[in-house]
C-alpha atoms as a PDB file:
ATOM      1  CA  MET A   1       0.000   0.000   0.000  1.00  0.00           C
ATOM      2  CA  GLY A   2       2.931   2.425   0.612  1.00  0.00           C
ATOM      3  CA  VAL A   3       1.743   6.011   1.200  1.00  0.00           C
ATOM      4  CA  ARG A   4      -1.884   7.148   1.071  1.00  0.00           C
ATOM      5  CA  PHE A   5      -3.613  10.449   1.575  1.00  0.00           C
ATOM      6  CA  ALA A   6      -5.885  10.115   4.588  1.00  0.00           C
ATOM      7  CA  ASN A   7      -8.922  11.518   2.785  1.00  0.00           C
ATOM      8  CA  GLN A   8     -10.006  12.985  -0.516  1.00  0.00           C
ATOM      9  CA  ALA A   9      -9.824  16.602   0.623  1.00  0.00           C
ATOM     10  CA  ARG A  10      -6.090  16.973  -0.077  1.00  0.00           C
ATOM     11  CA  PRO A  11      -4.306  20.352   0.107  1.00  0.00           C
ATOM     12  CA  GLY A  12      -4.381  22.377  -3.076  1.00  0.00           C
ATOM     13  CA  ALA A  13      -1.638  24.413  -4.685  1.00  0.00           C
ATOM     14  CA  ALA A  14      -2.165  27.476  -2.494  1.00  0.00           C
ATOM     15  CA  ALA A  15      -1.716  25.473   0.692  1.00  0.00           C
ATOM     16  CA  ASN A  16       1.348  23.652  -0.627  1.00  0.00           C
ATOM     17  CA  ALA A  17       2.972  26.859  -1.828  1.00  0.00           C
ATOM     18  CA  ALA A  18       3.275  28.047   1.750  1.00  0.00           C
ATOM     19  CA  ARG A  19       4.746  24.807   3.005  1.00  0.00           C
ATOM     20  CA  PRO A  20       8.382  24.881   4.110  1.00  0.00           C
ATOM     21  CA  PRO A  21      10.614  21.886   3.409  1.00  0.00           C
ATOM     22  CA  ILE A  22      10.375  19.108   5.991  1.00  0.00           C
ATOM     23  CA  ALA A  23      13.390  19.383   8.287  1.00  0.00           C
ATOM     24  CA  GLY A  24      12.492  16.947  11.060  1.00  0.00           C
ATOM     25  CA  VAL A  25      10.382  13.970  12.034  1.00  0.00           C
ATOM     26  CA  CYS A  26       8.908  13.308  15.470  1.00  0.00           C
ATOM     27  CA  PHE A  27       8.120   9.652  16.120  1.00  0.00           C
ATOM     28  CA  ASP A  28       5.955   7.851  18.602  1.00  0.00           C
ATOM     29  CA  LEU A  29       7.633   4.736  20.050  1.00  0.00           C
ATOM     30  CA  PHE A  30       5.296   1.892  21.000  1.00  0.00           C
ATOM     31  CA  HIS A  31       3.313   0.329  18.123  1.00  0.00           C
ATOM     32  CA  THR A  32       5.174   2.706  15.809  1.00  0.00           C
ATOM     33  CA  LEU A  33       8.841   1.706  15.980  1.00  0.00           C
ATOM     34  CA  VAL A  34       8.527  -1.267  18.346  1.00  0.00           C
ATOM     35  CA  ASP A  35       5.764  -3.715  19.235  1.00  0.00           C
ATOM     36  CA  VAL A  36       5.735  -5.124  22.765  1.00  0.00           C
ATOM     37  CA  GLY A  37       2.781  -7.297  21.788  1.00  0.00           C
ATOM     38  CA  ALA A  38       4.984  -9.201  19.340  1.00  0.00           C
ATOM     39  CA  VAL A  39       7.594 -10.158  21.960  1.00  0.00           C
ATOM     40  CA  PRO A  40       7.785 -13.990  22.188  1.00  0.00           C
ATOM     41  CA  GLU A  41       6.088 -15.560  25.197  1.00  0.00           C
ATOM     42  CA  ARG A  42       9.367 -17.265  26.089  1.00  0.00           C
ATOM     43  CA  VAL A  43      10.664 -13.792  27.004  1.00  0.00           C
ATOM     44  CA  GLY A  44       7.646 -12.927  29.142  1.00  0.00           C
ATOM     45  CA  ARG A  45       3.940 -13.593  29.353  1.00  0.00           C
ATOM     46  CA  TYR A  46       1.280 -10.974  28.821  1.00  0.00           C
ATOM     47  CA  THR A  47       0.868  -9.025  32.059  1.00  0.00           C
ATOM     48  CA  ALA A  48      -2.910  -9.452  32.288  1.00  0.00           C
ATOM     49  CA  ASP A  49      -2.541 -13.223  32.030  1.00  0.00           C
ATOM     50  CA  ILE A  50      -0.108 -13.327  34.941  1.00  0.00           C
ATOM     51  CA  LEU A  51      -2.330 -11.095  37.062  1.00  0.00           C
ATOM     52  CA  GLY A  52      -5.450 -13.049  36.136  1.00  0.00           C
ATOM     53  CA  VAL A  53      -7.380 -10.050  34.804  1.00  0.00           C
ATOM     54  CA  ASP A  54      -9.141  -9.416  31.502  1.00  0.00           C
ATOM     55  CA  ARG A  55      -6.788  -8.245  28.749  1.00  0.00           C
ATOM     56  CA  GLU A  56      -9.070  -5.486  27.533  1.00  0.00           C
ATOM     57  CA  ALA A  57      -9.579  -4.218  31.074  1.00  0.00           C
ATOM     58  CA  TRP A  58      -5.813  -4.225  31.581  1.00  0.00           C
ATOM     59  CA  ASN A  59      -5.227  -2.271  28.373  1.00  0.00           C
ATOM     60  CA  ARG A  60      -7.807   0.312  29.400  1.00  0.00           C
ATOM     61  CA  ALA A  61      -6.070   0.692  32.761  1.00  0.00           C
ATOM     62  CA  CYS A  62      -2.664   1.099  31.129  1.00  0.00           C
ATOM     63  CA  PHE A  63      -3.945   3.868  28.856  1.00  0.00           C
ATOM     64  CA  GLY A  64      -6.140   5.435  31.509  1.00  0.00           C
ATOM     65  CA  PRO A  65      -5.551   8.237  34.015  1.00  0.00           C
ATOM     66  CA  GLN A  66      -4.673   5.790  36.797  1.00  0.00           C
ATOM     67  CA  HIS A  67      -1.400   4.949  35.029  1.00  0.00           C
ATOM     68  CA  ASP A  68       1.090   7.436  36.445  1.00  0.00           C
ATOM     69  CA  ILE A  69       3.301   8.274  33.464  1.00  0.00           C
ATOM     70  CA  CYS A  70       4.007  11.967  34.030  1.00  0.00           C
ATOM     71  CA  ARG A  71       6.709  11.583  36.657  1.00  0.00           C
ATOM     72  CA  PRO A  72       9.487   9.090  37.465  1.00  0.00           C
ATOM     73  CA  THR A  73       7.985   6.000  39.100  1.00  0.00           C
ATOM     74  CA  ASP A  74       8.983   2.652  40.536  1.00  0.00           C
ATOM     75  CA  HIS A  75       7.885  -0.141  38.198  1.00  0.00           C
ATOM     76  CA  LEU A  76       6.587  -2.370  40.992  1.00  0.00           C
ATOM     77  CA  GLU A  77       4.575   0.374  42.647  1.00  0.00           C
ATOM     78  CA  SER A  78       3.221   1.569  39.309  1.00  0.00           C
ATOM     79  CA  LEU A  79       2.084  -1.927  38.393  1.00  0.00           C
ATOM     80  CA  ARG A  80       0.651  -2.547  41.859  1.00  0.00           C
ATOM     81  CA  GLN A  81      -1.546   0.515  41.562  1.00  0.00           C
ATOM     82  CA  LEU A  82      -2.793  -0.553  38.129  1.00  0.00           C
ATOM     83  CA  ALA A  83      -3.412  -4.134  39.206  1.00  0.00           C
ATOM     84  CA  HIS A  84      -5.249  -3.187  42.387  1.00  0.00           C
ATOM     85  CA  SER A  85      -7.385  -0.683  40.482  1.00  0.00           C
ATOM     86  CA  LEU A  86      -8.828  -3.734  38.738  1.00  0.00           C
ATOM     87  CA  ASP A  87      -8.709  -6.267  41.576  1.00  0.00           C
ATOM     88  CA  PRO A  88      -7.496  -5.263  45.058  1.00  0.00           C
ATOM     89  CA  SER A  89      -7.151  -8.934  46.027  1.00  0.00           C
ATOM     90  CA  ILE A  90      -4.260  -9.689  43.652  1.00  0.00           C
ATOM     91  CA  PRO A  91      -1.359 -10.786  45.890  1.00  0.00           C
ATOM     92  CA  ILE A  92       1.880  -8.828  45.817  1.00  0.00           C
ATOM     93  CA  THR A  93       3.844 -11.972  44.896  1.00  0.00           C
ATOM     94  CA  ARG A  94       1.873 -12.260  41.666  1.00  0.00           C
ATOM     95  CA  ILE A  95       2.402  -8.574  40.952  1.00  0.00           C
ATOM     96  CA  GLU A  96       6.156  -8.995  41.492  1.00  0.00           C
ATOM     97  CA  GLU A  97       6.143 -11.886  39.028  1.00  0.00           C
ATOM     98  CA  ALA A  98       4.245  -9.761  36.511  1.00  0.00           C
ATOM     99  CA  VAL A  99       6.681  -6.863  36.934  1.00  0.00           C
ATOM    100  CA  GLU A 100       9.671  -9.107  36.265  1.00  0.00           C
ATOM    101  CA  GLU A 101       8.216 -10.560  33.081  1.00  0.00           C
ATOM    102  CA  ARG A 102       6.811  -7.225  31.915  1.00  0.00           C
ATOM    103  CA  GLN A 103      10.223  -5.614  32.309  1.00  0.00           C
ATOM    104  CA  ARG A 104      11.778  -8.348  30.187  1.00  0.00           C
ATOM    105  CA  ARG A 105       9.174  -7.812  27.460  1.00  0.00           C
ATOM    106  CA  PHE A 106       9.649  -4.047  27.281  1.00  0.00           C
ATOM    107  CA  ASP A 107      13.432  -4.402  27.386  1.00  0.00           C
ATOM    108  CA  HIS A 108      13.331  -6.994  24.611  1.00  0.00           C
ATOM    109  CA  SER A 109      11.215  -4.729  22.395  1.00  0.00           C
ATOM    110  CA  LEU A 110      13.694  -1.868  22.770  1.00  0.00           C
ATOM    111  CA  LEU A 111      16.830  -3.955  22.352  1.00  0.00           C
ATOM    112  CA  ASN A 112      15.733  -6.057  19.369  1.00  0.00           C
ATOM    113  CA  ILE A 113      14.820  -3.657  16.578  1.00  0.00           C
ATOM    114  CA  ASP A 114      13.855  -4.763  13.081  1.00  0.00           C
ATOM    115  CA  LEU A 115      16.666  -4.132  10.631  1.00  0.00           C
ATOM    116  CA  ASP A 116      14.345  -2.462   8.123  1.00  0.00           C
ATOM    117  CA  THR A 117      13.278   0.078  10.763  1.00  0.00           C
ATOM    118  CA  LEU A 118      16.890   0.901  11.619  1.00  0.00           C
ATOM    119  CA  THR A 119      17.792   1.166   7.929  1.00  0.00           C
ATOM    120  CA  ALA A 120      14.884   3.515   7.247  1.00  0.00           C
ATOM    121  CA  LEU A 121      15.763   5.766  10.180  1.00  0.00           C
ATOM    122  CA  ARG A 122      19.372   5.937   9.051  1.00  0.00           C
ATOM    123  CA  ALA A 123      18.157   6.948   5.601  1.00  0.00           C
ATOM    124  CA  LEU A 124      16.149   9.804   7.110  1.00  0.00           C
ATOM    125  CA  ARG A 125      19.200  11.002   8.984  1.00  0.00           C
ATOM    126  CA  LYS A 126      21.247  10.761   5.785  1.00  0.00           C
ATOM    127  CA  ARG A 127      18.759  13.186   4.216  1.00  0.00           C
ATOM    128  CA  GLY A 128      19.749  15.644   6.944  1.00  0.00           C
ATOM    129  CA  LEU A 129      16.513  15.346   8.907  1.00  0.00           C
ATOM    130  CA  ARG A 130      16.501  15.832  12.651  1.00  0.00           C
ATOM    131  CA  LEU A 131      14.675  13.101  14.562  1.00  0.00           C
ATOM    132  CA  ALA A 132      12.829  13.229  17.873  1.00  0.00           C
ATOM    133  CA  LEU A 133      11.048  10.585  19.896  1.00  0.00           C
ATOM    134  CA  VAL A 134       7.857  11.640  21.701  1.00  0.00           C
ATOM    135  CA  SER A 135       6.481   8.862  23.876  1.00  0.00           C
ATOM    136  CA  ASN A 136       3.957   8.320  26.629  1.00  0.00           C
ATOM    137  CA  ALA A 137       5.749   5.901  28.950  1.00  0.00           C
ATOM    138  CA  SER A 138       6.388   5.108  32.576  1.00  0.00           C
ATOM    139  CA  SER A 139       9.947   4.893  33.848  1.00  0.00           C
ATOM    140  CA  GLY A 140      10.144   1.113  33.776  1.00  0.00           C
ATOM    141  CA  GLU A 141       8.789   0.834  30.263  1.00  0.00           C
ATOM    142  CA  VAL A 142      11.690   2.812  28.783  1.00  0.00           C
ATOM    143  CA  SER A 143      14.493   1.979  31.204  1.00  0.00           C
ATOM    144  CA  ALA A 144      16.300   0.099  28.395  1.00  0.00           C
ATOM    145  CA  TRP A 145      16.169   3.071  26.008  1.00  0.00           C
ATOM    146  CA  PRO A 146      19.814   4.139  26.521  1.00  0.00           C
ATOM    147  CA  ARG A 147      20.892   0.651  25.367  1.00  0.00           C
ATOM    148  CA  SER A 148      18.505   0.508  22.406  1.00  0.00           C
ATOM    149  CA  PRO A 149      19.893   0.547  18.848  1.00  0.00           C
ATOM    150  CA  LEU A 150      17.309   3.265  18.246  1.00  0.00           C
ATOM    151  CA  ALA A 151      18.781   5.715  20.748  1.00  0.00           C
ATOM    152  CA  PRO A 152      21.823   6.890  18.707  1.00  0.00           C
ATOM    153  CA  LEU A 153      19.567   7.633  15.742  1.00  0.00           C
ATOM    154  CA  PHE A 154      17.559  10.307  17.570  1.00  0.00           C
ATOM    155  CA  ASP A 155      18.577  13.840  18.386  1.00  0.00           C
ATOM    156  CA  VAL A 156      16.275  13.853  21.395  1.00  0.00           C
ATOM    157  CA  ALA A 157      13.941  11.478  23.216  1.00  0.00           C
ATOM    158  CA  VAL A 158      11.087  13.043  25.182  1.00  0.00           C
ATOM    159  CA  PHE A 159       9.275  10.684  27.543  1.00  0.00           C
ATOM    160  CA  SER A 160       6.189  11.682  29.492  1.00  0.00           C
ATOM    161  CA  CYS A 161       7.693  10.322  32.720  1.00  0.00           C
ATOM    162  CA  ASP A 162      10.551  12.817  32.391  1.00  0.00           C
ATOM    163  CA  CYS A 163       8.820  15.919  31.023  1.00  0.00           C
ATOM    164  CA  GLY A 164       5.653  15.963  33.155  1.00  0.00           C
ATOM    165  CA  ALA A 165       3.193  15.971  30.242  1.00  0.00           C
ATOM    166  CA  ARG A 166       1.622  13.287  28.086  1.00  0.00           C
ATOM    167  CA  LYS A 167       0.260  13.191  24.572  1.00  0.00           C
ATOM    168  CA  PRO A 168      -1.967  14.792  23.381  1.00  0.00           C
ATOM    169  CA  GLU A 169      -0.936  17.674  25.673  1.00  0.00           C
ATOM    170  CA  ALA A 170       0.979  20.416  23.870  1.00  0.00           C
ATOM    171  CA  PRO A 171       4.034  20.660  26.181  1.00  0.00           C
ATOM    172  CA  ILE A 172       5.402  17.211  25.303  1.00  0.00           C
ATOM    173  CA  TYR A 173       5.469  18.040  21.583  1.00  0.00           C
ATOM    174  CA  ARG A 174       6.857  21.502  22.216  1.00  0.00           C
ATOM    175  CA  ARG A 175       9.690  20.052  24.309  1.00  0.00           C
ATOM    176  CA  ALA A 176      10.747  17.943  21.318  1.00  0.00           C
ATOM    177  CA  LEU A 177      10.440  20.820  18.848  1.00  0.00           C
ATOM    178  CA  GLN A 178      12.466  23.081  21.112  1.00  0.00           C
ATOM    179  CA  ALA A 179      15.221  20.468  21.349  1.00  0.00           C
ATOM    180  CA  LEU A 180      15.267  20.176  17.545  1.00  0.00           C
ATOM    181  CA  SER A 181      15.212  23.977  17.139  1.00  0.00           C
ATOM    182  CA  LEU A 182      12.346  23.556  14.663  1.00  0.00           C
ATOM    183  CA  ALA A 183       8.799  24.819  14.296  1.00  0.00           C
ATOM    184  CA  GLY A 184       5.912  22.380  14.121  1.00  0.00           C
ATOM    185  CA  SER A 185       5.350  23.274  10.458  1.00  0.00           C
ATOM    186  CA  ASP A 186       8.879  22.023   9.716  1.00  0.00           C
ATOM    187  CA  CYS A 187       8.148  18.511  10.945  1.00  0.00           C
ATOM    188  CA  LEU A 188       6.132  15.373  10.417  1.00  0.00           C
ATOM    189  CA  PHE A 189       4.681  13.521  13.381  1.00  0.00           C
ATOM    190  CA  VAL A 190       4.548   9.768  12.810  1.00  0.00           C
ATOM    191  CA  GLY A 191       2.593   7.458  15.118  1.00  0.00           C
ATOM    192  CA  ASP A 192       0.026   4.689  15.378  1.00  0.00           C
ATOM    193  CA  GLY A 193      -2.553   7.146  16.711  1.00  0.00           C
ATOM    194  CA  GLY A 194      -2.885   5.951  20.291  1.00  0.00           C
ATOM    195  CA  SER A 195      -3.618   8.483  23.048  1.00  0.00           C
ATOM    196  CA  ASP A 196      -5.123  10.851  20.451  1.00  0.00           C
ATOM    197  CA  GLU A 197      -1.558  11.793  19.568  1.00  0.00           C
ATOM    198  CA  HIS A 198      -2.276  13.005  16.036  1.00  0.00           C
ATOM    199  CA  ARG A 199      -4.834  15.543  17.210  1.00  0.00           C
ATOM    200  CA  GLY A 200      -2.298  16.871  19.698  1.00  0.00           C
ATOM    201  CA  ALA A 201       0.425  16.967  17.052  1.00  0.00           C
ATOM    202  CA  ARG A 202      -1.742  18.926  14.629  1.00  0.00           C
ATOM    203  CA  ALA A 203      -2.656  21.413  17.367  1.00  0.00           C
ATOM    204  CA  VAL A 204       0.996  22.481  17.678  1.00  0.00           C
ATOM    205  CA  GLY A 205       1.502  22.674  13.910  1.00  0.00           C
ATOM    206  CA  LEU A 206       3.037  19.273  13.152  1.00  0.00           C
ATOM    207  CA  HIS A 207       1.996  17.376  10.014  1.00  0.00           C
ATOM    208  CA  PRO A 208       0.418  14.116  11.294  1.00  0.00           C
ATOM    209  CA  VAL A 209       1.127  10.741   9.662  1.00  0.00           C
ATOM    210  CA  LEU A 210      -0.515   7.448  10.658  1.00  0.00           C
ATOM    211  CA  ILE A 211       1.773   4.403  10.500  1.00  0.00           C
ATOM    212  CA  THR A 212      -0.012   1.053  10.358  1.00  0.00           C
ATOM    213  CA  ARG A 213       2.704  -1.606  10.413  1.00  0.00           C
ATOM    214  CA  HIS A 214       2.083  -2.818  13.962  1.00  0.00           C
ATOM    215  CA  ILE A 215      -1.678  -2.239  14.115  1.00  0.00           C
ATOM    216  CA  ALA A 216      -3.196  -3.087  10.719  1.00  0.00           C
ATOM    217  CA  GLY A 217      -3.405  -6.811  11.431  1.00  0.00           C
ATOM    218  CA  HIS A 218      -5.090  -6.306  14.798  1.00  0.00           C
ATOM    219  CA  PHE A 219      -7.565  -3.462  14.212  1.00  0.00           C
ATOM    220  CA  SER A 220     -10.965  -3.500  12.563  1.00  0.00           C
ATOM    221  CA  ALA A 221     -11.567  -1.278   9.546  1.00  0.00           C
ATOM    222  CA  GLU A 222     -13.656   1.019  11.727  1.00  0.00           C
ATOM    223  CA  ARG A 223     -10.957   1.368  14.348  1.00  0.00           C
ATOM    224  CA  LEU A 224      -8.305   2.069  11.728  1.00  0.00           C
ATOM    225  CA  ALA A 225     -10.568   4.645  10.129  1.00  0.00           C
ATOM    226  CA  ALA A 226     -10.981   6.378  13.481  1.00  0.00           C
ATOM    227  CA  ARG A 227      -7.195   6.527  13.830  1.00  0.00           C
ATOM    228  CA  SER A 228      -6.977   8.391  10.513  1.00  0.00           C
ATOM    229  CA  ALA A 229      -9.330  11.196  11.569  1.00  0.00           C
ATOM    230  CA  HIS A 230      -6.577  13.710  12.350  1.00  0.00           C
ATOM    231  CA  VAL A 231      -3.859  12.746   9.864  1.00  0.00           C
ATOM    232  CA  ASP A 232      -2.775  13.929   6.429  1.00  0.00           C
ATOM    233  CA  TRP A 233      -1.109  10.719   5.262  1.00  0.00           C
ATOM    234  CA  ILE A 234      -1.080   7.013   6.020  1.00  0.00           C
ATOM    235  CA  VAL A 235       2.070   4.919   5.640  1.00  0.00           C
ATOM    236  CA  ASP A 236       2.667   1.232   6.207  1.00  0.00           C
ATOM    237  CA  THR A 237       6.279   1.416   7.364  1.00  0.00           C
ATOM    238  CA  VAL A 238       9.013   3.870   8.306  1.00  0.00           C
ATOM    239  CA  ALA A 239      10.623   3.212   4.917  1.00  0.00           C
ATOM    240  CA  ASP A 240       7.506   4.625   3.213  1.00  0.00           C
ATOM    241  CA  LEU A 241       8.368   8.053   4.611  1.00  0.00           C
ATOM    242  CA  GLU A 242      11.020   8.321   1.902  1.00  0.00           C
ATOM    243  CA  THR A 243       8.264   8.260  -0.723  1.00  0.00           C
ATOM    244  CA  LEU A 244       6.217  10.816   1.192  1.00  0.00           C
ATOM    245  CA  LEU A 245       9.210  13.151   1.491  1.00  0.00           C
ATOM    246  CA  GLU A 246       9.998  12.802  -2.207  1.00  0.00           C
ATOM    247  CA  SER A 247       6.397  13.695  -3.010  1.00  0.00           C
ATOM    248  CA  TRP A 248       6.600  16.728  -0.716  1.00  0.00           C
ATOM    249  CA  ARG A 249       9.860  17.895  -2.296  1.00  0.00           C
ATOM    250  CA  ASP A 250       8.764  17.325  -5.887  1.00  0.00           C
ATOM    251  CA  ALA A 251       5.449  19.157  -5.378  1.00  0.00           C
ATOM    252  CA  GLY A 252       7.365  22.431  -5.423  1.00  0.00           C
ATOM    253  CA  GLY A 253       4.291  24.389  -4.343  1.00  0.00           C
ATOM    254  CA  ALA A 254       1.974  22.491  -6.674  1.00  0.00           C
ATOM    255  CA  SER A 255      -0.753  20.123  -5.502  1.00  0.00           C
ATOM    256  CA  MET A 256       0.678  16.936  -4.008  1.00  0.00           C
ATOM    257  CA  ASP A 257      -0.983  14.529  -6.414  1.00  0.00           C
ATOM    258  CA  PRO A 258       0.083  10.877  -6.293  1.00  0.00           C
ATOM    259  CA  VAL A 259       3.524  10.152  -7.742  1.00  0.00           C
ATOM    260  CA  ASP A 260       5.420   6.904  -8.171  1.00  0.00           C
ATOM    261  CA  GLY A 261       4.697   4.717  -5.142  1.00  0.00           C
ATOM    262  CA  VAL A 262       2.117   7.144  -3.726  1.00  0.00           C
ATOM    263  CA  THR A 263      -1.616   6.438  -3.981  1.00  0.00           C
ATOM    264  CA  ALA A 264      -4.534   8.536  -2.822  1.00  0.00           C
ATOM    265  CA  ALA A 265      -7.034   6.834  -0.501  1.00  0.00           C
ATOM    266  CA  LYS A 266     -10.565   6.975  -1.908  1.00  0.00           C
ATOM    267  CA  SER A 267     -12.134   6.893   1.523  1.00  0.00           C
ATOM    268  CA  ARG A 268     -11.282   6.151   5.120  1.00  0.00           C
ATOM    269  CA  SER A 269     -13.228   2.895   4.912  1.00  0.00           C
ATOM    270  CA  GLU A 270     -10.722   1.283   2.544  1.00  0.00           C
ATOM    271  CA  TRP A 271      -8.571  -0.577   5.073  1.00  0.00           C
END
């Protein structure tokens, strides 16, 4: 599928004429560059299964306000609070077991990066683009980041647990833009759309891009369509950004009609 416009109402020549060249890309982390859900069970079991709670309920808790991700936290205490918000009777020994396996899963996802993702990021850097990571995460979830093969490829990594704000709040995006010394209009924001991140990115001037590699096989057409509500483009992989950037450059102020490798989506229902 490559690169698609998110809807039929694409920018015309007047809008494109005012567009500056893209100088940077801000990336989400989880389900964008890495997929914890794809970590083999031999590394660690799914946390909800260890705790004995419903998976959907656990996911809602992790993405809900009870998950303290806007300050440094202890992984055990953070997980205890989440677990007991669902079932106060879960014993601490089971929570400790879940923390140990969960830590292994998150570490594995950050330390074992697909070669094609690394190659595509290196290609973006070779183009002279500045790269930022903007991620909602608790301290334990990203403790392996300094050892990740991804880390040297980014000019800055902004985590909610360090900056005191979470997506879609404006300060977390602005922290990244300030570190890159770029305006929002100079940058793409690439993510899977969780936490309403594209709406937040657009609000500070970033150009939002939905990436589907780690979600397309798990989401319904309706859910994928909802994720495209606040984006300009849809890409399958990080490598597809090269095509998008070529299209942007070649437009030269003219309408960004499809070029080689770029197709326009007829509607948001075509997933």
